[in-house]
Amino acid sequence: MNDVLRFAIYVRTSMDEQHELSLELQEKRCRETIADKNGVVIGVYADSGKTGWSLERAGFIQLQQDAAQ
């Protein structure tokens, strides 16, 4: 598995969701792109209704912690 590209998916919607893709559609598109690259998804992280101005988002923080390990 060392030669396989590994990916984490991070999806987010902001508080103003009028023109945004749903979390599910974001993840689906990410998975399609990863599959095209013959990669494997090792984790999915999500934050719903969170502003992009702050990095204090639970899903984003967990992604950072997992990546550090």
PDB file of N, CA and C in Angstrom:
ATOM      1  N   MET A   1       0.819  -1.192   0.000  1.00  0.00           N
ATOM      2  CA  MET A   1       0.000   0.000   0.000  1.00  0.00           C
ATOM      3  C   MET A   1       0.863   1.255   0.000  1.00  0.00           C
ATOM      4  N   ASN A   2       2.159   1.133   0.045  1.00  0.00           N
ATOM      5  CA  ASN A   2       3.042   2.294   0.063  1.00  0.00           C
ATOM      6  C   ASN A   2       2.988   3.087  -1.228  1.00  0.00           C
ATOM      7  N   ASP A   3       2.689   2.446  -2.358  1.00  0.00           N
ATOM      8  CA  ASP A   3       2.644   3.143  -3.638  1.00  0.00           C
ATOM      9  C   ASP A   3       1.282   3.763  -3.924  1.00  0.00           C
ATOM     10  N   VAL A   4       0.313   3.496  -3.092  1.00  0.00           N
ATOM     11  CA  VAL A   4      -1.037   4.013  -3.285  1.00  0.00           C
ATOM     12  C   VAL A   4      -1.125   5.417  -2.676  1.00  0.00           C
ATOM     13  N   LEU A   5      -1.704   6.334  -3.435  1.00  0.00           N
ATOM     14  CA  LEU A   5      -1.923   7.674  -2.896  1.00  0.00           C
ATOM     15  C   LEU A   5      -3.057   7.624  -1.887  1.00  0.00           C
ATOM     16  N   ARG A   6      -2.806   8.194  -0.724  1.00  0.00           N
ATOM     17  CA  ARG A   6      -3.804   8.218   0.338  1.00  0.00           C
ATOM     18  C   ARG A   6      -4.342   9.636   0.474  1.00  0.00           C
ATOM     19  N   PHE A   7      -5.639   9.747   0.632  1.00  0.00           N
ATOM     20  CA  PHE A   7      -6.292  11.045   0.695  1.00  0.00           C
ATOM     21  C   PHE A   7      -7.203  11.144   1.903  1.00  0.00           C
ATOM     22  N   ALA A   8      -7.261  12.321   2.473  1.00  0.00           N
ATOM     23  CA  ALA A   8      -8.282  12.667   3.454  1.00  0.00           C
ATOM     24  C   ALA A   8      -9.197  13.669   2.774  1.00  0.00           C
ATOM     25  N   ILE A   9     -10.471  13.539   3.025  1.00  0.00           N
ATOM     26  CA  ILE A   9     -11.452  14.454   2.455  1.00  0.00           C
ATOM     27  C   ILE A   9     -11.933  15.384   3.558  1.00  0.00           C
ATOM     28  N   TYR A  10     -11.933  16.681   3.259  1.00  0.00           N
ATOM     29  CA  TYR A  10     -12.497  17.659   4.180  1.00  0.00           C
ATOM     30  C   TYR A  10     -13.586  18.425   3.450  1.00  0.00           C
ATOM     31  N   VAL A  11     -14.793  18.384   3.993  1.00  0.00           N
ATOM     32  CA  VAL A  11     -15.926  19.090   3.397  1.00  0.00           C
ATOM     33  C   VAL A  11     -16.485  20.073   4.419  1.00  0.00           C
ATOM     34  N   ARG A  12     -16.999  21.188   3.881  1.00  0.00           N
ATOM     35  CA  ARG A  12     -17.513  22.212   4.789  1.00  0.00           C
ATOM     36  C   ARG A  12     -18.590  23.022   4.087  1.00  0.00           C
ATOM     37  N   THR A  13     -19.582  23.408   4.863  1.00  0.00           N
ATOM     38  CA  THR A  13     -20.533  24.408   4.401  1.00  0.00           C
ATOM     39  C   THR A  13     -20.475  25.566   5.387  1.00  0.00           C
ATOM     40  N   SER A  14     -20.707  26.750   4.873  1.00  0.00           N
ATOM     41  CA  SER A  14     -20.700  27.925   5.734  1.00  0.00           C
ATOM     42  C   SER A  14     -22.099  28.183   6.271  1.00  0.00           C
ATOM     43  N   MET A  15     -22.229  29.265   6.975  1.00  0.00           N
ATOM     44  CA  MET A  15     -23.541  29.616   7.525  1.00  0.00           C
ATOM     45  C   MET A  15     -24.492  30.062   6.428  1.00  0.00           C
ATOM     46  N   ASP A  16     -23.978  30.571   5.322  1.00  0.00           N
ATOM     47  CA  ASP A  16     -24.798  31.008   4.197  1.00  0.00           C
ATOM     48  C   ASP A  16     -24.695  29.956   3.102  1.00  0.00           C
ATOM     49  N   GLU A  17     -25.622  29.012   3.094  1.00  0.00           N
ATOM     50  CA  GLU A  17     -25.538  27.847   2.205  1.00  0.00           C
ATOM     51  C   GLU A  17     -26.328  28.011   0.904  1.00  0.00           C
ATOM     52  N   GLN A  18     -26.703  29.217   0.523  1.00  0.00           N
ATOM     53  CA  GLN A  18     -27.559  29.396  -0.640  1.00  0.00           C
ATOM     54  C   GLN A  18     -26.941  28.860  -1.931  1.00  0.00           C
ATOM     55  N   HIS A  19     -25.655  29.042  -2.135  1.00  0.00           N
ATOM     56  CA  HIS A  19     -25.035  28.671  -3.401  1.00  0.00           C
ATOM     57  C   HIS A  19     -23.968  27.593  -3.234  1.00  0.00           C
ATOM     58  N   GLU A  20     -24.025  26.875  -2.156  1.00  0.00           N
ATOM     59  CA  GLU A  20     -22.983  25.900  -1.874  1.00  0.00           C
ATOM     60  C   GLU A  20     -23.440  24.480  -2.182  1.00  0.00           C
ATOM     61  N   LEU A  21     -22.465  23.640  -2.423  1.00  0.00           N
ATOM     62  CA  LEU A  21     -22.729  22.220  -2.604  1.00  0.00           C
ATOM     63  C   LEU A  21     -22.957  21.585  -1.243  1.00  0.00           C
ATOM     64  N   SER A  22     -23.835  20.604  -1.173  1.00  0.00           N
ATOM     65  CA  SER A  22     -24.059  19.897   0.086  1.00  0.00           C
ATOM     66  C   SER A  22     -22.792  19.149   0.479  1.00  0.00           C
ATOM     67  N   LEU A  23     -22.700  18.812   1.741  1.00  0.00           N
ATOM     68  CA  LEU A  23     -21.557  18.024   2.219  1.00  0.00           C
ATOM     69  C   LEU A  23     -21.482  16.711   1.460  1.00  0.00           C
ATOM     70  N   GLU A  24     -22.628  16.104   1.218  1.00  0.00           N
ATOM     71  CA  GLU A  24     -22.664  14.817   0.529  1.00  0.00           C
ATOM     72  C   GLU A  24     -22.144  14.940  -0.905  1.00  0.00           C
ATOM     73  N   LEU A  25     -22.558  15.989  -1.594  1.00  0.00           N
ATOM     74  CA  LEU A  25     -22.108  16.177  -2.975  1.00  0.00           C
ATOM     75  C   LEU A  25     -20.619  16.524  -3.029  1.00  0.00           C
ATOM     76  N   GLN A  26     -20.149  17.316  -2.078  1.00  0.00           N
ATOM     77  CA  GLN A  26     -18.719  17.611  -2.010  1.00  0.00           C
ATOM     78  C   GLN A  26     -17.914  16.312  -1.841  1.00  0.00           C
ATOM     79  N   GLU A  27     -18.371  15.468  -0.905  1.00  0.00           N
ATOM     80  CA  GLU A  27     -17.662  14.204  -0.659  1.00  0.00           C
ATOM     81  C   GLU A  27     -17.714  13.309  -1.897  1.00  0.00           C
ATOM     82  N   LYS A  28     -18.868  13.233  -2.544  1.00  0.00           N
ATOM     83  CA  LYS A  28     -19.007  12.402  -3.744  1.00  0.00           C
ATOM     84  C   LYS A  28     -18.020  12.845  -4.819  1.00  0.00           C
ATOM     85  N   ARG A  29     -17.939  14.139  -5.049  1.00  0.00           N
ATOM     86  CA  ARG A  29     -17.022  14.648  -6.070  1.00  0.00           C
ATOM     87  C   ARG A  29     -15.565  14.390  -5.694  1.00  0.00           C
ATOM     88  N   CYS A  30     -15.242  14.535  -4.434  1.00  0.00           N
ATOM     89  CA  CYS A  30     -13.882  14.230  -3.985  1.00  0.00           C
ATOM     90  C   CYS A  30     -13.561  12.758  -4.212  1.00  0.00           C
ATOM     91  N   ARG A  31     -14.495  11.882  -3.842  1.00  0.00           N
ATOM     92  CA  ARG A  31     -14.273  10.446  -4.027  1.00  0.00           C
ATOM     93  C   ARG A  31     -14.091  10.093  -5.499  1.00  0.00           C
ATOM     94  N   GLU A  32     -14.853  10.732  -6.377  1.00  0.00           N
ATOM     95  CA  GLU A  32     -14.705  10.485  -7.813  1.00  0.00           C
ATOM     96  C   GLU A  32     -13.314  10.896  -8.299  1.00  0.00           C
ATOM     97  N   THR A  33     -12.853  12.054  -7.861  1.00  0.00           N
ATOM     98  CA  THR A  33     -11.528  12.532  -8.263  1.00  0.00           C
ATOM     99  C   THR A  33     -10.434  11.627  -7.727  1.00  0.00           C
ATOM    100  N   ILE A  34     -10.579  11.188  -6.487  1.00  0.00           N
ATOM    101  CA  ILE A  34      -9.596  10.292  -5.880  1.00  0.00           C
ATOM    102  C   ILE A  34      -9.573   8.956  -6.609  1.00  0.00           C
ATOM    103  N   ALA A  35     -10.732   8.439  -6.957  1.00  0.00           N
ATOM    104  CA  ALA A  35     -10.808   7.174  -7.697  1.00  0.00           C
ATOM    105  C   ALA A  35     -10.123   7.312  -9.050  1.00  0.00           C
ATOM    106  N   ASP A  36     -10.298   8.463  -9.706  1.00  0.00           N
ATOM    107  CA  ASP A  36      -9.635   8.706 -10.998  1.00  0.00           C
ATOM    108  C   ASP A  36      -8.116   8.663 -10.869  1.00  0.00           C
ATOM    109  N   LYS A  37      -7.614   8.975  -9.684  1.00  0.00           N
ATOM    110  CA  LYS A  37      -6.173   8.971  -9.428  1.00  0.00           C
ATOM    111  C   LYS A  37      -5.701   7.652  -8.817  1.00  0.00           C
ATOM    112  N   ASN A  38      -6.620   6.674  -8.762  1.00  0.00           N
ATOM    113  CA  ASN A  38      -6.337   5.369  -8.155  1.00  0.00           C
ATOM    114  C   ASN A  38      -5.902   5.503  -6.700  1.00  0.00           C
ATOM    115  N   GLY A  39      -6.487   6.464  -6.017  1.00  0.00           N
ATOM    116  CA  GLY A  39      -6.156   6.686  -4.614  1.00  0.00           C
ATOM    117  C   GLY A  39      -7.129   5.987  -3.695  1.00  0.00           C
ATOM    118  N   VAL A  40      -6.841   6.089  -2.417  1.00  0.00           N
ATOM    119  CA  VAL A  40      -7.694   5.500  -1.395  1.00  0.00           C
ATOM    120  C   VAL A  40      -8.020   6.590  -0.365  1.00  0.00           C
ATOM    121  N   VAL A  41      -9.268   6.609   0.069  1.00  0.00           N
ATOM    122  CA  VAL A  41      -9.709   7.564   1.082  1.00  0.00           C
ATOM    123  C   VAL A  41      -9.431   6.965   2.455  1.00  0.00           C
ATOM    124  N   ILE A  42      -8.678   7.697   3.267  1.00  0.00           N
ATOM    125  CA  ILE A  42      -8.353   7.193   4.603  1.00  0.00           C
ATOM    126  C   ILE A  42      -9.171   7.857   5.696  1.00  0.00           C
ATOM    127  N   GLY A  43      -9.879   8.916   5.339  1.00  0.00           N
ATOM    128  CA  GLY A  43     -10.720   9.584   6.322  1.00  0.00           C
ATOM    129  C   GLY A  43     -11.552  10.674   5.681  1.00  0.00           C
ATOM    130  N   VAL A  44     -12.698  10.934   6.294  1.00  0.00           N
ATOM    131  CA  VAL A  44     -13.568  12.005   5.847  1.00  0.00           C
ATOM    132  C   VAL A  44     -13.864  12.882   7.057  1.00  0.00           C
ATOM    133  N   TYR A  45     -13.681  14.174   6.883  1.00  0.00           N
ATOM    134  CA  TYR A  45     -13.873  15.150   7.957  1.00  0.00           C
ATOM    135  C   TYR A  45     -14.854  16.190   7.455  1.00  0.00           C
ATOM    136  N   ALA A  46     -15.738  16.638   8.322  1.00  0.00           N
ATOM    137  CA  ALA A  46     -16.783  17.558   7.884  1.00  0.00           C
ATOM    138  C   ALA A  46     -17.090  18.594   8.953  1.00  0.00           C
ATOM    139  N   ASP A  47     -17.424  19.774   8.477  1.00  0.00           N
ATOM    140  CA  ASP A  47     -17.934  20.844   9.328  1.00  0.00           C
ATOM    141  C   ASP A  47     -19.099  21.480   8.593  1.00  0.00           C
ATOM    142  N   SER A  48     -20.239  21.508   9.221  1.00  0.00           N
ATOM    143  CA  SER A  48     -21.437  22.070   8.613  1.00  0.00           C
ATOM    144  C   SER A  48     -21.813  23.362   9.324  1.00  0.00           C
ATOM    145  N   GLY A  49     -22.141  24.372   8.547  1.00  0.00           N
ATOM    146  CA  GLY A  49     -22.583  25.637   9.122  1.00  0.00           C
ATOM    147  C   GLY A  49     -21.491  26.381   9.854  1.00  0.00           C
ATOM    148  N   LYS A  50     -20.245  26.246   9.370  1.00  0.00           N
ATOM    149  CA  LYS A  50     -19.105  26.906  10.023  1.00  0.00           C
ATOM    150  C   LYS A  50     -18.484  27.919   9.078  1.00  0.00           C
ATOM    151  N   THR A  51     -18.135  29.061   9.604  1.00  0.00           N
ATOM    152  CA  THR A  51     -17.518  30.103   8.810  1.00  0.00           C
ATOM    153  C   THR A  51     -16.092  29.731   8.424  1.00  0.00           C
ATOM    154  N   GLY A  52     -15.680  30.163   7.271  1.00  0.00           N
ATOM    155  CA  GLY A  52     -14.311  29.919   6.819  1.00  0.00           C
ATOM    156  C   GLY A  52     -13.306  30.860   7.442  1.00  0.00           C
ATOM    157  N   TRP A  53     -13.782  31.875   8.129  1.00  0.00           N
ATOM    158  CA  TRP A  53     -12.883  32.860   8.734  1.00  0.00           C
ATOM    159  C   TRP A  53     -12.157  32.304   9.949  1.00  0.00           C
ATOM    160  N   SER A  54     -12.682  31.284  10.550  1.00  0.00           N
ATOM    161  CA  SER A  54     -12.075  30.710  11.754  1.00  0.00           C
ATOM    162  C   SER A  54     -11.566  29.306  11.466  1.00  0.00           C
ATOM    163  N   LEU A  55     -10.415  28.998  12.018  1.00  0.00           N
ATOM    164  CA  LEU A  55      -9.879  27.634  11.915  1.00  0.00           C
ATOM    165  C   LEU A  55     -10.330  26.772  13.089  1.00  0.00           C
ATOM    166  N   GLU A  56     -11.133  27.327  13.974  1.00  0.00           N
ATOM    167  CA  GLU A  56     -11.643  26.598  15.132  1.00  0.00           C
ATOM    168  C   GLU A  56     -12.898  25.826  14.738  1.00  0.00           C
ATOM    169  N   ARG A  57     -12.681  24.789  13.922  1.00  0.00           N
ATOM    170  CA  ARG A  57     -13.763  23.924  13.459  1.00  0.00           C
ATOM    171  C   ARG A  57     -13.394  22.492  13.823  1.00  0.00           C
ATOM    172  N   ALA A  58     -14.301  21.785  14.442  1.00  0.00           N
ATOM    173  CA  ALA A  58     -14.011  20.447  14.977  1.00  0.00           C
ATOM    174  C   ALA A  58     -13.460  19.486  13.927  1.00  0.00           C
ATOM    175  N   GLY A  59     -14.079  19.424  12.759  1.00  0.00           N
ATOM    176  CA  GLY A  59     -13.612  18.520  11.707  1.00  0.00           C
ATOM    177  C   GLY A  59     -12.222  18.880  11.221  1.00  0.00           C
ATOM    178  N   PHE A  60     -11.977  20.168  11.051  1.00  0.00           N
ATOM    179  CA  PHE A  60     -10.670  20.641  10.592  1.00  0.00           C
ATOM    180  C   PHE A  60      -9.585  20.349  11.626  1.00  0.00           C
ATOM    181  N   ILE A  61      -9.899  20.576  12.882  1.00  0.00           N
ATOM    182  CA  ILE A  61      -8.944  20.299  13.964  1.00  0.00           C
ATOM    183  C   ILE A  61      -8.618  18.814  14.018  1.00  0.00           C
ATOM    184  N   GLN A  62      -9.640  17.957  13.888  1.00  0.00           N
ATOM    185  CA  GLN A  62      -9.408  16.509  13.903  1.00  0.00           C
ATOM    186  C   GLN A  62      -8.547  16.084  12.728  1.00  0.00           C
ATOM    187  N   LEU A  63      -8.789  16.649  11.553  1.00  0.00           N
ATOM    188  CA  LEU A  63      -7.963  16.372  10.370  1.00  0.00           C
ATOM    189  C   LEU A  63      -6.515  16.725  10.652  1.00  0.00           C
ATOM    190  N   GLN A  64      -6.265  17.887  11.216  1.00  0.00           N
ATOM    191  CA  GLN A  64      -4.889  18.295  11.540  1.00  0.00           C
ATOM    192  C   GLN A  64      -4.230  17.334  12.528  1.00  0.00           C
ATOM    193  N   GLN A  65      -4.971  16.942  13.538  1.00  0.00           N
ATOM    194  CA  GLN A  65      -4.426  16.025  14.546  1.00  0.00           C
ATOM    195  C   GLN A  65      -4.093  14.670  13.936  1.00  0.00           C
ATOM    196  N   ASP A  66      -4.990  14.153  13.116  1.00  0.00           N
ATOM    197  CA  ASP A  66      -4.753  12.857  12.462  1.00  0.00           C
ATOM    198  C   ASP A  66      -3.583  12.941  11.501  1.00  0.00           C
ATOM    199  N   ALA A  67      -3.466  14.038  10.765  1.00  0.00           N
ATOM    200  CA  ALA A  67      -2.362  14.214   9.819  1.00  0.00           C
ATOM    201  C   ALA A  67      -1.017  14.277  10.539  1.00  0.00           C
ATOM    202  N   ALA A  68      -1.004  14.847  11.713  1.00  0.00           N
ATOM    203  CA  ALA A  68       0.227  14.968  12.492  1.00  0.00           C
ATOM    204  C   ALA A  68       0.740  13.604  12.950  1.00  0.00           C
ATOM    205  N   GLN A  69      -0.174  12.652  13.063  1.00  0.00           N
ATOM    206  CA  GLN A  69       0.227  11.309  13.504  1.00  0.00           C
ATOM    207  C   GLN A  69       0.639  10.509  12.304  1.00  0.00           C
TER     208      GLN A  69
END
